N, C-alpha and C. Protein backbone atom coordinates (compact mmCIF):
# COMPACT_ATOMS: atom_id res chain seq x y z
N MET A 1 -1.14 32.60 -14.16
CA MET A 1 -2.26 32.21 -14.99
C MET A 1 -1.90 32.39 -16.47
N GLU A 2 -2.25 31.41 -17.29
CA GLU A 2 -1.93 31.46 -18.71
C GLU A 2 -2.81 32.46 -19.43
N GLU A 3 -2.20 33.21 -20.34
CA GLU A 3 -2.95 34.20 -21.10
C GLU A 3 -3.80 33.51 -22.16
N PRO A 4 -5.04 33.98 -22.38
CA PRO A 4 -5.83 33.43 -23.49
C PRO A 4 -5.17 33.81 -24.81
N HIS A 5 -5.35 32.97 -25.83
CA HIS A 5 -4.72 33.25 -27.12
C HIS A 5 -5.16 34.60 -27.68
N ARG A 6 -6.44 34.93 -27.51
CA ARG A 6 -6.94 36.25 -27.91
C ARG A 6 -7.67 36.85 -26.73
N GLY A 7 -7.22 38.01 -26.29
CA GLY A 7 -7.85 38.62 -25.13
C GLY A 7 -7.69 40.13 -25.14
N ILE A 8 -8.51 40.77 -24.32
CA ILE A 8 -8.40 42.22 -24.15
C ILE A 8 -7.73 42.46 -22.81
N ARG A 9 -6.56 43.07 -22.86
CA ARG A 9 -5.84 43.44 -21.65
C ARG A 9 -5.82 44.95 -21.62
N ALA A 10 -6.21 45.53 -20.49
CA ALA A 10 -6.37 46.99 -20.49
C ALA A 10 -6.29 47.54 -19.07
N LEU A 11 -6.03 48.82 -19.00
CA LEU A 11 -6.18 49.59 -17.78
C LEU A 11 -7.65 50.03 -17.75
N TYR A 12 -8.37 49.67 -16.70
CA TYR A 12 -9.80 50.02 -16.67
C TYR A 12 -10.27 50.24 -15.25
N THR A 13 -11.41 50.92 -15.13
CA THR A 13 -12.09 51.14 -13.85
C THR A 13 -13.48 50.51 -13.97
N ALA A 14 -14.32 50.76 -12.98
CA ALA A 14 -15.68 50.21 -13.03
C ALA A 14 -16.47 50.77 -14.20
N SER A 15 -16.12 51.98 -14.67
CA SER A 15 -16.93 52.59 -15.72
C SER A 15 -16.15 52.99 -16.97
N THR A 16 -14.82 52.94 -16.93
CA THR A 16 -14.02 53.38 -18.09
C THR A 16 -12.95 52.36 -18.45
N ILE A 17 -12.45 52.49 -19.68
CA ILE A 17 -11.31 51.73 -20.16
C ILE A 17 -10.38 52.72 -20.86
N THR A 18 -9.07 52.53 -20.70
CA THR A 18 -8.10 53.41 -21.34
C THR A 18 -7.59 52.76 -22.62
N VAL A 19 -7.62 53.53 -23.71
CA VAL A 19 -7.08 53.08 -24.99
C VAL A 19 -6.03 54.09 -25.43
N TYR A 20 -5.19 53.66 -26.37
CA TYR A 20 -4.07 54.51 -26.78
C TYR A 20 -4.12 54.80 -28.27
N GLN A 21 -3.68 56.01 -28.60
CA GLN A 21 -3.50 56.43 -29.98
C GLN A 21 -2.26 57.32 -30.04
N ALA A 22 -1.65 57.40 -31.21
CA ALA A 22 -0.48 58.28 -31.38
C ALA A 22 -0.73 59.20 -32.57
N TYR A 23 -0.40 60.47 -32.36
CA TYR A 23 -0.64 61.49 -33.38
C TYR A 23 0.55 62.44 -33.46
N ALA A 24 0.54 63.24 -34.51
CA ALA A 24 1.49 64.35 -34.60
C ALA A 24 1.13 65.36 -33.51
N PRO A 25 2.11 66.15 -33.07
CA PRO A 25 1.84 67.12 -31.99
C PRO A 25 0.71 68.08 -32.29
N GLU A 26 0.50 68.44 -33.56
CA GLU A 26 -0.56 69.40 -33.86
C GLU A 26 -1.96 68.85 -33.60
N ILE A 27 -2.08 67.53 -33.50
CA ILE A 27 -3.35 66.91 -33.06
C ILE A 27 -3.28 66.59 -31.57
N GLY A 28 -2.17 65.99 -31.16
CA GLY A 28 -2.04 65.50 -29.79
C GLY A 28 -2.09 66.59 -28.73
N ARG A 29 -1.40 67.70 -28.98
CA ARG A 29 -1.35 68.75 -27.95
C ARG A 29 -2.71 69.40 -27.72
N PRO A 30 -3.42 69.83 -28.78
CA PRO A 30 -4.75 70.40 -28.53
C PRO A 30 -5.71 69.39 -27.90
N ALA A 31 -5.57 68.11 -28.26
CA ALA A 31 -6.46 67.10 -27.68
C ALA A 31 -6.28 67.02 -26.17
N THR A 32 -5.02 67.06 -25.72
CA THR A 32 -4.81 66.99 -24.27
C THR A 32 -5.17 68.31 -23.58
N ASP A 33 -4.91 69.42 -24.26
CA ASP A 33 -5.26 70.72 -23.67
C ASP A 33 -6.77 70.87 -23.49
N GLN A 34 -7.52 70.41 -24.48
CA GLN A 34 -8.98 70.61 -24.48
C GLN A 34 -9.74 69.43 -23.90
N GLY A 35 -9.07 68.26 -23.80
CA GLY A 35 -9.76 67.06 -23.36
C GLY A 35 -10.71 66.52 -24.42
N ARG A 36 -10.57 67.01 -25.63
CA ARG A 36 -11.38 66.59 -26.78
C ARG A 36 -10.51 66.65 -28.02
N PHE A 37 -10.89 65.87 -29.03
CA PHE A 37 -10.13 65.93 -30.27
C PHE A 37 -10.41 67.25 -30.99
N PRO A 38 -9.37 67.90 -31.52
CA PRO A 38 -9.55 69.21 -32.16
C PRO A 38 -10.23 69.09 -33.52
N SER A 39 -10.60 70.22 -34.07
CA SER A 39 -11.30 70.22 -35.36
C SER A 39 -10.43 69.65 -36.48
N ALA A 40 -9.11 69.72 -36.33
CA ALA A 40 -8.22 69.16 -37.35
C ALA A 40 -8.22 67.63 -37.37
N TRP A 41 -8.74 67.03 -36.31
CA TRP A 41 -8.84 65.57 -36.24
C TRP A 41 -9.91 65.09 -37.21
N LYS A 42 -9.56 64.15 -38.06
CA LYS A 42 -10.47 63.75 -39.13
C LYS A 42 -11.50 62.72 -38.66
N ARG A 43 -12.76 63.12 -38.72
CA ARG A 43 -13.86 62.23 -38.31
C ARG A 43 -14.31 61.32 -39.45
N ASP A 44 -13.88 61.61 -40.67
CA ASP A 44 -14.39 60.86 -41.81
C ASP A 44 -13.48 59.69 -42.21
N ARG A 45 -12.53 59.36 -41.36
CA ARG A 45 -11.67 58.22 -41.65
C ARG A 45 -11.64 57.28 -40.46
N MET A 46 -11.22 56.06 -40.71
CA MET A 46 -11.17 55.08 -39.63
C MET A 46 -10.06 55.45 -38.66
N THR A 47 -10.34 55.32 -37.38
CA THR A 47 -9.34 55.57 -36.35
C THR A 47 -9.21 54.30 -35.51
N TRP A 48 -7.97 53.88 -35.24
CA TRP A 48 -7.72 52.64 -34.50
C TRP A 48 -7.33 52.97 -33.07
N ILE A 49 -8.00 52.28 -32.13
CA ILE A 49 -7.68 52.45 -30.72
C ILE A 49 -7.12 51.13 -30.19
N LYS A 50 -6.19 51.24 -29.25
CA LYS A 50 -5.47 50.07 -28.76
C LYS A 50 -5.47 50.04 -27.24
N PRO A 51 -6.08 49.04 -26.63
CA PRO A 51 -6.05 48.95 -25.17
C PRO A 51 -4.66 48.59 -24.61
N SER A 52 -3.78 48.04 -25.45
CA SER A 52 -2.46 47.61 -24.99
C SER A 52 -1.43 48.73 -25.17
N PHE A 53 -0.85 49.16 -24.05
CA PHE A 53 0.19 50.21 -24.10
C PHE A 53 1.39 49.75 -24.92
N LEU A 54 1.86 48.53 -24.68
CA LEU A 54 3.07 48.07 -25.39
C LEU A 54 2.81 47.85 -26.87
N TRP A 55 1.59 47.45 -27.23
CA TRP A 55 1.31 47.34 -28.66
C TRP A 55 1.34 48.73 -29.29
N MET A 56 0.85 49.75 -28.57
CA MET A 56 0.93 51.11 -29.08
C MET A 56 2.39 51.54 -29.24
N MET A 57 3.23 51.13 -28.27
CA MET A 57 4.65 51.47 -28.36
C MET A 57 5.30 50.83 -29.59
N TYR A 58 4.90 49.60 -29.86
CA TYR A 58 5.38 48.91 -31.07
C TYR A 58 4.94 49.68 -32.31
N ARG A 59 3.70 50.08 -32.33
CA ARG A 59 3.15 50.75 -33.52
C ARG A 59 3.80 52.11 -33.76
N CYS A 60 4.06 52.86 -32.68
CA CYS A 60 4.59 54.22 -32.86
C CYS A 60 6.09 54.31 -32.63
N GLY A 61 6.74 53.17 -32.35
CA GLY A 61 8.20 53.21 -32.13
C GLY A 61 8.60 54.05 -30.94
N TRP A 62 7.88 53.83 -29.81
CA TRP A 62 8.12 54.63 -28.60
C TRP A 62 7.98 56.12 -28.87
N ALA A 63 7.00 56.49 -29.68
CA ALA A 63 6.68 57.89 -30.00
C ALA A 63 7.80 58.56 -30.79
N THR A 64 8.41 57.80 -31.70
CA THR A 64 9.46 58.38 -32.55
C THR A 64 9.10 58.39 -34.03
N LYS A 65 8.07 57.65 -34.43
CA LYS A 65 7.73 57.60 -35.85
C LYS A 65 7.08 58.91 -36.28
N PRO A 66 7.37 59.37 -37.49
CA PRO A 66 6.78 60.62 -37.98
C PRO A 66 5.25 60.56 -37.94
N GLY A 67 4.65 61.62 -37.40
CA GLY A 67 3.20 61.68 -37.29
C GLY A 67 2.64 60.94 -36.10
N GLN A 68 3.52 60.31 -35.31
CA GLN A 68 3.09 59.56 -34.13
C GLN A 68 3.93 59.92 -32.90
N GLU A 69 4.35 61.17 -32.83
CA GLU A 69 5.27 61.60 -31.77
C GLU A 69 4.56 61.91 -30.45
N THR A 70 3.24 61.97 -30.47
CA THR A 70 2.48 62.25 -29.25
C THR A 70 1.56 61.08 -28.97
N VAL A 71 1.78 60.42 -27.84
CA VAL A 71 0.96 59.26 -27.47
C VAL A 71 -0.12 59.72 -26.49
N LEU A 72 -1.36 59.43 -26.84
CA LEU A 72 -2.49 59.81 -26.01
C LEU A 72 -3.08 58.59 -25.31
N ALA A 73 -3.36 58.75 -24.03
CA ALA A 73 -4.15 57.78 -23.28
C ALA A 73 -5.57 58.35 -23.23
N VAL A 74 -6.48 57.71 -23.93
CA VAL A 74 -7.85 58.20 -24.03
C VAL A 74 -8.73 57.32 -23.16
N GLU A 75 -9.27 57.91 -22.11
CA GLU A 75 -10.16 57.18 -21.23
C GLU A 75 -11.58 57.30 -21.78
N ILE A 76 -12.19 56.16 -22.10
CA ILE A 76 -13.53 56.16 -22.66
C ILE A 76 -14.46 55.31 -21.79
N THR A 77 -15.74 55.47 -22.00
CA THR A 77 -16.68 54.69 -21.20
C THR A 77 -16.64 53.22 -21.63
N ARG A 78 -16.81 52.36 -20.65
CA ARG A 78 -16.91 50.94 -20.98
C ARG A 78 -18.15 50.66 -21.80
N ASP A 79 -19.23 51.40 -21.54
CA ASP A 79 -20.45 51.22 -22.35
C ASP A 79 -20.16 51.49 -23.83
N GLY A 80 -19.41 52.54 -24.10
CA GLY A 80 -19.06 52.87 -25.48
C GLY A 80 -18.17 51.81 -26.11
N PHE A 81 -17.15 51.41 -25.37
CA PHE A 81 -16.23 50.38 -25.85
C PHE A 81 -16.99 49.10 -26.20
N GLU A 82 -17.90 48.71 -25.31
CA GLU A 82 -18.64 47.48 -25.54
C GLU A 82 -19.67 47.64 -26.66
N TRP A 83 -20.20 48.84 -26.86
CA TRP A 83 -21.05 49.10 -28.02
C TRP A 83 -20.25 48.84 -29.29
N ALA A 84 -19.02 49.34 -29.31
CA ALA A 84 -18.17 49.14 -30.50
C ALA A 84 -17.92 47.65 -30.74
N LEU A 85 -17.62 46.90 -29.68
CA LEU A 85 -17.40 45.45 -29.84
C LEU A 85 -18.66 44.77 -30.37
N ARG A 86 -19.79 45.13 -29.82
CA ARG A 86 -21.06 44.52 -30.21
C ARG A 86 -21.35 44.77 -31.69
N ASN A 87 -20.94 45.93 -32.18
CA ASN A 87 -21.23 46.33 -33.55
C ASN A 87 -20.04 46.19 -34.50
N ALA A 88 -19.04 45.45 -34.06
CA ALA A 88 -17.82 45.28 -34.86
C ALA A 88 -17.87 44.00 -35.68
N CYS A 89 -17.01 43.96 -36.68
CA CYS A 89 -16.76 42.72 -37.41
C CYS A 89 -15.25 42.55 -37.49
N LEU A 90 -14.83 41.34 -37.83
CA LEU A 90 -13.39 41.10 -37.98
C LEU A 90 -12.88 41.80 -39.24
N SER A 91 -11.63 42.25 -39.19
CA SER A 91 -11.06 42.98 -40.33
C SER A 91 -10.63 42.06 -41.45
N SER A 92 -10.69 40.74 -41.25
CA SER A 92 -10.37 39.80 -42.32
C SER A 92 -11.35 38.63 -42.29
N HIS A 93 -11.52 38.01 -43.44
CA HIS A 93 -12.45 36.89 -43.57
C HIS A 93 -11.91 35.66 -42.84
N VAL A 94 -12.77 34.99 -42.09
CA VAL A 94 -12.39 33.77 -41.38
C VAL A 94 -13.35 32.66 -41.80
N ARG A 95 -12.80 31.66 -42.46
CA ARG A 95 -13.63 30.53 -42.89
C ARG A 95 -14.21 29.84 -41.66
N GLY A 96 -15.50 29.56 -41.70
CA GLY A 96 -16.16 28.91 -40.58
C GLY A 96 -16.87 29.90 -39.67
N LEU A 97 -16.32 31.10 -39.55
CA LEU A 97 -16.99 32.14 -38.75
C LEU A 97 -17.97 32.92 -39.61
N HIS A 98 -17.57 33.15 -40.86
CA HIS A 98 -18.43 33.83 -41.82
C HIS A 98 -18.93 32.78 -42.84
N PRO A 99 -20.18 32.88 -43.28
CA PRO A 99 -20.69 31.91 -44.25
C PRO A 99 -19.83 31.83 -45.52
N ASP A 100 -19.40 32.99 -46.00
CA ASP A 100 -18.52 33.05 -47.17
C ASP A 100 -17.90 34.45 -47.23
N ARG A 101 -16.99 34.62 -48.18
CA ARG A 101 -16.29 35.90 -48.29
C ARG A 101 -17.25 37.05 -48.60
N ASP A 102 -18.25 36.81 -49.44
CA ASP A 102 -19.21 37.87 -49.78
C ASP A 102 -19.99 38.33 -48.54
N ALA A 103 -20.38 37.37 -47.71
CA ALA A 103 -21.11 37.72 -46.48
C ALA A 103 -20.23 38.57 -45.57
N TRP A 104 -18.94 38.20 -45.46
CA TRP A 104 -18.01 38.99 -44.64
C TRP A 104 -17.85 40.40 -45.21
N GLN A 105 -17.74 40.51 -46.55
CA GLN A 105 -17.56 41.83 -47.16
C GLN A 105 -18.80 42.72 -46.92
N ARG A 106 -19.98 42.13 -46.95
CA ARG A 106 -21.18 42.91 -46.64
C ARG A 106 -21.16 43.38 -45.19
N GLU A 107 -20.69 42.51 -44.31
CA GLU A 107 -20.59 42.86 -42.89
C GLU A 107 -19.60 44.00 -42.67
N VAL A 108 -18.47 43.95 -43.36
CA VAL A 108 -17.45 45.00 -43.25
C VAL A 108 -18.02 46.34 -43.68
N LYS A 109 -18.78 46.35 -44.76
CA LYS A 109 -19.36 47.61 -45.25
C LYS A 109 -20.39 48.18 -44.28
N ARG A 110 -21.10 47.31 -43.58
CA ARG A 110 -22.17 47.72 -42.68
C ARG A 110 -21.66 48.12 -41.30
N ALA A 111 -20.63 47.43 -40.81
CA ALA A 111 -20.20 47.58 -39.41
C ALA A 111 -19.45 48.90 -39.19
N PRO A 112 -19.76 49.61 -38.10
CA PRO A 112 -19.06 50.85 -37.78
C PRO A 112 -17.74 50.63 -37.03
N ALA A 113 -17.41 49.35 -36.76
CA ALA A 113 -16.16 49.06 -36.05
C ALA A 113 -15.57 47.76 -36.58
N ARG A 114 -14.24 47.66 -36.50
CA ARG A 114 -13.53 46.46 -36.93
C ARG A 114 -12.56 46.02 -35.86
N VAL A 115 -12.39 44.73 -35.78
CA VAL A 115 -11.45 44.16 -34.82
C VAL A 115 -10.38 43.39 -35.55
N GLN A 116 -9.14 43.59 -35.12
CA GLN A 116 -8.09 42.68 -35.54
C GLN A 116 -7.28 42.28 -34.32
N TRP A 117 -6.73 41.07 -34.40
CA TRP A 117 -5.97 40.50 -33.29
C TRP A 117 -4.51 40.45 -33.71
N ASP A 118 -3.68 41.21 -33.02
CA ASP A 118 -2.26 41.27 -33.35
C ASP A 118 -1.43 40.75 -32.19
N PRO A 119 -0.26 40.18 -32.48
CA PRO A 119 0.57 39.67 -31.39
C PRO A 119 0.87 40.75 -30.35
N GLU A 120 0.62 40.42 -29.09
CA GLU A 120 1.00 41.33 -28.00
C GLU A 120 2.52 41.47 -28.01
N ARG A 121 3.03 42.49 -27.38
CA ARG A 121 4.47 42.79 -27.39
C ARG A 121 5.04 42.80 -25.99
N ASP A 122 6.33 42.46 -25.90
CA ASP A 122 7.01 42.57 -24.61
C ASP A 122 7.72 43.92 -24.54
N LEU A 123 8.50 44.12 -23.48
CA LEU A 123 9.17 45.41 -23.30
C LEU A 123 10.16 45.75 -24.42
N ARG A 124 10.68 44.73 -25.08
CA ARG A 124 11.58 44.97 -26.21
C ARG A 124 10.82 45.00 -27.53
N LEU A 125 9.49 45.02 -27.42
CA LEU A 125 8.57 45.10 -28.54
C LEU A 125 8.62 43.87 -29.44
N GLN A 126 9.10 42.76 -28.87
CA GLN A 126 9.09 41.48 -29.58
C GLN A 126 7.72 40.83 -29.43
N PRO A 127 7.28 40.06 -30.44
CA PRO A 127 5.94 39.45 -30.35
C PRO A 127 5.87 38.37 -29.29
N LEU A 128 4.73 38.33 -28.62
CA LEU A 128 4.44 37.30 -27.63
C LEU A 128 3.50 36.27 -28.27
N PRO A 129 3.34 35.09 -27.67
CA PRO A 129 2.56 34.03 -28.31
C PRO A 129 1.05 34.19 -28.17
N TYR A 130 0.59 35.33 -27.70
CA TYR A 130 -0.85 35.57 -27.62
C TYR A 130 -1.15 36.93 -28.24
N ARG A 131 -2.41 37.16 -28.53
CA ARG A 131 -2.80 38.32 -29.32
C ARG A 131 -3.66 39.30 -28.52
N SER A 132 -3.53 40.57 -28.88
CA SER A 132 -4.31 41.63 -28.26
C SER A 132 -5.20 42.30 -29.29
N LEU A 133 -6.27 42.87 -28.80
CA LEU A 133 -7.27 43.48 -29.66
C LEU A 133 -6.88 44.88 -30.09
N GLN A 134 -7.09 45.15 -31.39
CA GLN A 134 -7.04 46.51 -31.92
C GLN A 134 -8.44 46.79 -32.47
N LEU A 135 -8.96 47.96 -32.19
CA LEU A 135 -10.34 48.27 -32.56
C LEU A 135 -10.39 49.47 -33.48
N GLY A 136 -10.86 49.25 -34.70
CA GLY A 136 -10.98 50.33 -35.67
C GLY A 136 -12.39 50.91 -35.65
N LEU A 137 -12.49 52.23 -35.60
CA LEU A 137 -13.78 52.91 -35.54
C LEU A 137 -13.99 53.74 -36.80
N SER A 138 -15.19 53.67 -37.35
CA SER A 138 -15.52 54.50 -38.50
C SER A 138 -16.97 54.97 -38.39
N GLY A 139 -17.32 55.97 -39.19
CA GLY A 139 -18.71 56.43 -39.25
C GLY A 139 -19.28 56.78 -37.89
N GLU A 140 -20.40 56.13 -37.56
CA GLU A 140 -21.09 56.41 -36.30
C GLU A 140 -20.19 56.17 -35.10
N ALA A 141 -19.35 55.14 -35.16
CA ALA A 141 -18.48 54.82 -34.02
C ALA A 141 -17.47 55.94 -33.76
N VAL A 142 -16.93 56.54 -34.82
CA VAL A 142 -15.98 57.66 -34.65
C VAL A 142 -16.68 58.84 -33.97
N ARG A 143 -17.88 59.15 -34.42
CA ARG A 143 -18.61 60.27 -33.82
C ARG A 143 -18.91 60.00 -32.35
N ARG A 144 -19.35 58.79 -32.04
CA ARG A 144 -19.64 58.45 -30.64
C ARG A 144 -18.37 58.51 -29.80
N TYR A 145 -17.27 57.99 -30.34
CA TYR A 145 -15.98 58.00 -29.64
C TYR A 145 -15.59 59.43 -29.25
N ALA A 146 -15.65 60.31 -30.23
CA ALA A 146 -15.20 61.69 -30.00
C ALA A 146 -16.17 62.49 -29.14
N ASP A 147 -17.48 62.29 -29.34
CA ASP A 147 -18.47 63.18 -28.74
C ASP A 147 -19.16 62.62 -27.50
N GLU A 148 -19.20 61.29 -27.35
CA GLU A 148 -19.95 60.70 -26.25
C GLU A 148 -19.09 59.86 -25.30
N TRP A 149 -18.21 59.07 -25.84
CA TRP A 149 -17.49 58.10 -25.01
C TRP A 149 -16.29 58.68 -24.28
N THR A 150 -15.63 59.67 -24.86
CA THR A 150 -14.37 60.17 -24.30
C THR A 150 -14.60 60.89 -22.98
N VAL A 151 -13.91 60.40 -21.95
CA VAL A 151 -13.99 60.98 -20.61
C VAL A 151 -12.80 61.92 -20.37
N SER A 152 -11.61 61.49 -20.80
CA SER A 152 -10.41 62.33 -20.63
C SER A 152 -9.36 61.90 -21.65
N ILE A 153 -8.45 62.83 -21.92
CA ILE A 153 -7.32 62.56 -22.82
C ILE A 153 -6.06 63.05 -22.14
N ARG A 154 -5.09 62.15 -21.96
CA ARG A 154 -3.82 62.51 -21.33
C ARG A 154 -2.67 62.25 -22.29
N ASP A 155 -1.66 63.08 -22.22
CA ASP A 155 -0.43 62.89 -23.00
C ASP A 155 0.50 61.98 -22.19
N VAL A 156 0.75 60.79 -22.70
CA VAL A 156 1.65 59.86 -21.99
C VAL A 156 2.96 59.69 -22.74
N THR A 157 3.29 60.66 -23.60
CA THR A 157 4.56 60.61 -24.32
C THR A 157 5.75 60.59 -23.37
N PRO A 158 5.79 61.45 -22.32
CA PRO A 158 6.93 61.38 -21.40
C PRO A 158 7.08 60.00 -20.75
N LEU A 159 5.97 59.36 -20.43
CA LEU A 159 6.02 58.01 -19.87
C LEU A 159 6.61 57.04 -20.89
N ALA A 160 6.19 57.14 -22.13
CA ALA A 160 6.73 56.27 -23.18
C ALA A 160 8.24 56.45 -23.29
N HIS A 161 8.70 57.69 -23.28
CA HIS A 161 10.14 57.97 -23.39
C HIS A 161 10.90 57.43 -22.18
N GLU A 162 10.33 57.59 -21.00
CA GLU A 162 11.01 57.13 -19.79
C GLU A 162 11.13 55.60 -19.77
N ILE A 163 10.05 54.92 -20.12
CA ILE A 163 10.10 53.45 -20.14
C ILE A 163 11.11 52.99 -21.18
N HIS A 164 11.09 53.61 -22.35
CA HIS A 164 12.03 53.24 -23.40
C HIS A 164 13.47 53.46 -22.97
N ALA A 165 13.72 54.57 -22.28
CA ALA A 165 15.08 54.86 -21.81
C ALA A 165 15.55 53.80 -20.83
N ARG A 166 14.67 53.34 -19.96
CA ARG A 166 15.06 52.30 -19.00
C ARG A 166 15.29 50.95 -19.68
N VAL A 167 14.45 50.64 -20.67
CA VAL A 167 14.67 49.41 -21.43
C VAL A 167 16.01 49.48 -22.16
N SER A 168 16.25 50.59 -22.84
CA SER A 168 17.51 50.77 -23.58
C SER A 168 18.71 50.79 -22.67
N GLY A 169 18.51 51.26 -21.43
CA GLY A 169 19.61 51.33 -20.46
C GLY A 169 19.84 50.04 -19.70
N GLY A 170 19.14 48.98 -20.08
CA GLY A 170 19.36 47.69 -19.44
C GLY A 170 18.69 47.54 -18.09
N ALA A 171 17.60 48.27 -17.87
CA ALA A 171 16.88 48.18 -16.60
C ALA A 171 15.42 47.77 -16.86
N PRO A 172 15.21 46.54 -17.37
CA PRO A 172 13.84 46.14 -17.71
C PRO A 172 12.90 46.06 -16.51
N ASP A 173 13.41 45.68 -15.36
CA ASP A 173 12.54 45.61 -14.18
C ASP A 173 12.03 47.00 -13.79
N ALA A 174 12.92 47.98 -13.85
CA ALA A 174 12.51 49.36 -13.54
C ALA A 174 11.53 49.86 -14.60
N ALA A 175 11.75 49.47 -15.85
CA ALA A 175 10.83 49.86 -16.92
C ALA A 175 9.46 49.24 -16.70
N ALA A 176 9.44 47.96 -16.34
CA ALA A 176 8.18 47.25 -16.16
C ALA A 176 7.33 47.86 -15.05
N ARG A 177 8.00 48.38 -14.02
CA ARG A 177 7.26 48.98 -12.90
C ARG A 177 6.51 50.24 -13.31
N LEU A 178 6.92 50.85 -14.42
CA LEU A 178 6.28 52.09 -14.89
C LEU A 178 5.10 51.83 -15.81
N LEU A 179 4.95 50.60 -16.28
CA LEU A 179 3.89 50.29 -17.23
C LEU A 179 2.50 50.49 -16.61
N PRO A 180 1.53 50.90 -17.41
CA PRO A 180 0.15 50.93 -16.91
C PRO A 180 -0.25 49.54 -16.44
N GLU A 181 -1.06 49.48 -15.42
CA GLU A 181 -1.45 48.20 -14.82
C GLU A 181 -2.60 47.58 -15.61
N GLU A 182 -2.23 46.89 -16.67
CA GLU A 182 -3.23 46.26 -17.53
C GLU A 182 -3.56 44.87 -17.01
N ARG A 183 -4.85 44.52 -17.08
CA ARG A 183 -5.30 43.18 -16.69
C ARG A 183 -6.40 42.75 -17.63
N ALA A 184 -6.77 41.49 -17.54
CA ALA A 184 -7.80 40.96 -18.43
C ALA A 184 -9.09 41.75 -18.25
N TYR A 185 -9.61 42.22 -19.36
CA TYR A 185 -10.85 43.00 -19.33
C TYR A 185 -12.04 42.04 -19.30
N PRO A 186 -12.95 42.23 -18.34
CA PRO A 186 -14.08 41.30 -18.22
C PRO A 186 -15.14 41.57 -19.28
N VAL A 187 -15.28 40.65 -20.19
CA VAL A 187 -16.24 40.82 -21.27
C VAL A 187 -16.99 39.51 -21.47
N ALA A 188 -18.29 39.60 -21.65
CA ALA A 188 -19.12 38.41 -21.78
C ALA A 188 -18.78 37.66 -23.07
N ASP A 189 -18.80 36.34 -23.00
CA ASP A 189 -18.49 35.51 -24.17
C ASP A 189 -19.39 35.84 -25.34
N GLU A 190 -20.67 36.10 -25.07
CA GLU A 190 -21.59 36.36 -26.18
C GLU A 190 -21.27 37.67 -26.89
N LEU A 191 -20.60 38.59 -26.19
CA LEU A 191 -20.21 39.85 -26.81
C LEU A 191 -19.04 39.66 -27.77
N MET A 192 -18.24 38.61 -27.54
CA MET A 192 -17.02 38.38 -28.33
C MET A 192 -17.12 37.23 -29.30
N ALA A 193 -18.20 36.47 -29.25
CA ALA A 193 -18.29 35.23 -30.06
C ALA A 193 -18.07 35.49 -31.54
N HIS A 194 -18.57 36.62 -32.06
CA HIS A 194 -18.43 36.91 -33.50
C HIS A 194 -17.07 37.52 -33.83
N LEU A 195 -16.21 37.69 -32.81
CA LEU A 195 -14.92 38.35 -33.01
C LEU A 195 -13.72 37.45 -32.69
N ARG A 196 -14.00 36.19 -32.33
CA ARG A 196 -12.90 35.27 -31.98
C ARG A 196 -12.87 34.14 -32.99
N PRO A 197 -11.95 34.19 -33.96
CA PRO A 197 -11.85 33.11 -34.95
C PRO A 197 -11.49 31.78 -34.30
């Protein structure tokens, strides 16, 4: 089946969706130990969550970039995720979707979440011809994410390292078998209409 040009691909259950973030160990370790983000985690800044494991690997360089050495799989409620989508705006102005640039800028200031569509990545972290969703949370959305939506937090850094080692060792099929089982996330068209340019 052909991938949609813009889609949400994720590991999910009937009630949760898994998103990924990467942090320095001083944030990542306490988060996994406590199952909650620690007090050192900043609630007053935008935090980006990524349903795509491989896009997270691209962003953090397989957990090697400074400040991104710990990759977290954060399982959150689908209700929370969909609240964020419903209350999100696009991170850039799109002619035809927004009446004008000023209207988009007002929407950005008001919205507690932002969406951007970035090229999905393959096992070698090369861009694919379709895009995956990245979701930025701020203000109310950050508080809800940390205090209401989060079901569990797991450290998947060892998995990232193992997959990377197999890719680097010339065993892409073995690497692919270790990937989280992501599939198209079922979301109503009306929930996404304002987020698909």
